[in-house]
Amino acid sequence: MRGEGTKKFWTFVVALVVGMISGALVSELLRMILPTGVVRDFLTYKINFGFETITLNLALMEVSFGLKFDFTVVSLLFVVAVVYYFKWWL
């Protein structure tokens, strides 16, 4: 029983990652292909959120931590579509 729940969780995580990556790729392709205008600006407008980079300087090494996400309308649509598609495996 426990294995089924973890399988669903990891399938959902994989669906989110696949949706974000494919959406980012299509968004960049649209940015290159579409002519400058309102449609291109709307579909490829980036929303950034996350944490700024934090650097911890130790005597022997320096460690940096940070996490940022860039979402566009296209990438959000791809995430929704891929999660909807992957629901058949959930």
Protein backbone atom coordinates (compact mmCIF):
# COMPACT_ATOMS: atom_id res chain seq x y z
CA MET A 1 0.00 0.00 0.00
CA ARG A 2 2.79 2.40 0.82
CA GLY A 3 4.51 1.75 -2.51
CA GLU A 4 1.45 2.89 -4.44
CA GLY A 5 1.40 6.28 -2.69
CA THR A 6 5.09 6.95 -3.33
CA LYS A 7 4.68 5.89 -6.96
CA LYS A 8 1.89 8.44 -7.39
CA PHE A 9 3.94 11.16 -5.73
CA TRP A 10 7.01 10.59 -7.91
CA THR A 11 4.86 10.33 -11.04
CA PHE A 12 3.38 13.72 -10.16
CA VAL A 13 6.85 15.20 -9.56
CA VAL A 14 8.08 13.86 -12.90
CA ALA A 15 4.98 15.32 -14.59
CA LEU A 16 5.70 18.74 -13.08
CA VAL A 17 9.35 18.68 -14.13
CA VAL A 18 8.52 17.51 -17.67
CA GLY A 19 5.85 20.21 -17.96
CA MET A 20 8.19 22.96 -16.75
CA ILE A 21 11.04 21.94 -19.06
CA SER A 22 8.87 21.45 -22.15
CA GLY A 23 6.99 24.68 -21.46
CA ALA A 24 10.23 26.62 -21.11
CA LEU A 25 11.52 25.19 -24.40
CA VAL A 26 8.32 26.03 -26.29
CA SER A 27 8.26 29.49 -24.72
CA GLU A 28 11.79 30.20 -25.95
CA LEU A 29 10.91 28.87 -29.41
CA LEU A 30 7.88 31.16 -29.53
CA ARG A 31 10.05 34.08 -28.46
CA MET A 32 12.31 33.41 -31.47
CA ILE A 33 9.55 32.65 -34.00
CA LEU A 34 6.75 35.12 -33.23
CA PRO A 35 7.03 38.68 -34.45
CA THR A 36 7.30 41.44 -31.87
CA GLY A 37 3.87 42.36 -30.58
CA VAL A 38 1.25 41.94 -27.91
CA VAL A 39 0.75 38.19 -28.44
CA ARG A 40 4.47 37.44 -28.16
CA ASP A 41 4.80 39.67 -25.11
CA PHE A 42 1.83 37.99 -23.42
CA LEU A 43 2.87 34.39 -24.13
CA THR A 44 6.52 34.88 -23.22
CA TYR A 45 6.22 37.30 -20.27
CA LYS A 46 8.33 35.88 -17.43
CA ILE A 47 7.28 35.78 -13.81
CA ASN A 48 10.25 35.16 -11.54
CA PHE A 49 10.10 33.93 -7.99
CA GLY A 50 12.39 32.14 -5.61
CA PHE A 51 15.23 32.83 -3.22
CA GLU A 52 18.24 35.03 -3.82
CA THR A 53 21.62 33.34 -3.82
CA ILE A 54 23.10 32.99 -0.36
CA THR A 55 26.86 32.43 -0.15
CA LEU A 56 28.46 30.80 2.85
CA ASN A 57 32.20 31.47 2.86
CA LEU A 58 34.12 28.94 4.93
CA ALA A 59 37.87 28.83 5.30
CA LEU A 60 38.32 25.89 2.93
CA MET A 61 35.36 26.28 0.61
CA GLU A 62 32.56 28.54 -0.46
CA VAL A 63 29.01 27.21 -0.74
CA SER A 64 26.18 28.99 -2.54
CA PHE A 65 22.48 28.21 -2.24
CA GLY A 66 19.69 29.60 -4.37
CA LEU A 67 16.48 28.62 -6.10
CA LYS A 68 14.64 30.59 -8.79
CA PHE A 69 11.77 29.72 -11.07
CA ASP A 70 10.83 31.51 -14.29
CA PHE A 71 7.29 30.89 -15.48
CA THR A 72 5.58 32.09 -18.63
CA VAL A 73 1.97 31.65 -19.74
CA VAL A 74 3.09 28.93 -22.14
CA SER A 75 5.06 27.07 -19.46
CA LEU A 76 2.09 27.19 -17.06
CA LEU A 77 -0.18 25.82 -19.80
CA PHE A 78 2.30 23.02 -20.45
CA VAL A 79 2.46 22.14 -16.75
CA VAL A 80 -1.34 21.92 -16.61
CA ALA A 81 -1.48 19.84 -19.81
CA VAL A 82 1.25 17.41 -18.75
CA VAL A 83 -0.22 16.94 -15.26
CA TYR A 84 -3.63 16.32 -16.86
CA TYR A 85 -2.03 13.79 -19.22
CA PHE A 86 -0.12 12.09 -16.40
CA LYS A 87 -3.25 11.77 -14.26
CA TRP A 88 -3.97 8.56 -16.11
CA TRP A 89 -0.98 7.02 -14.31
CA LEU A 90 -1.92 8.44 -10.92
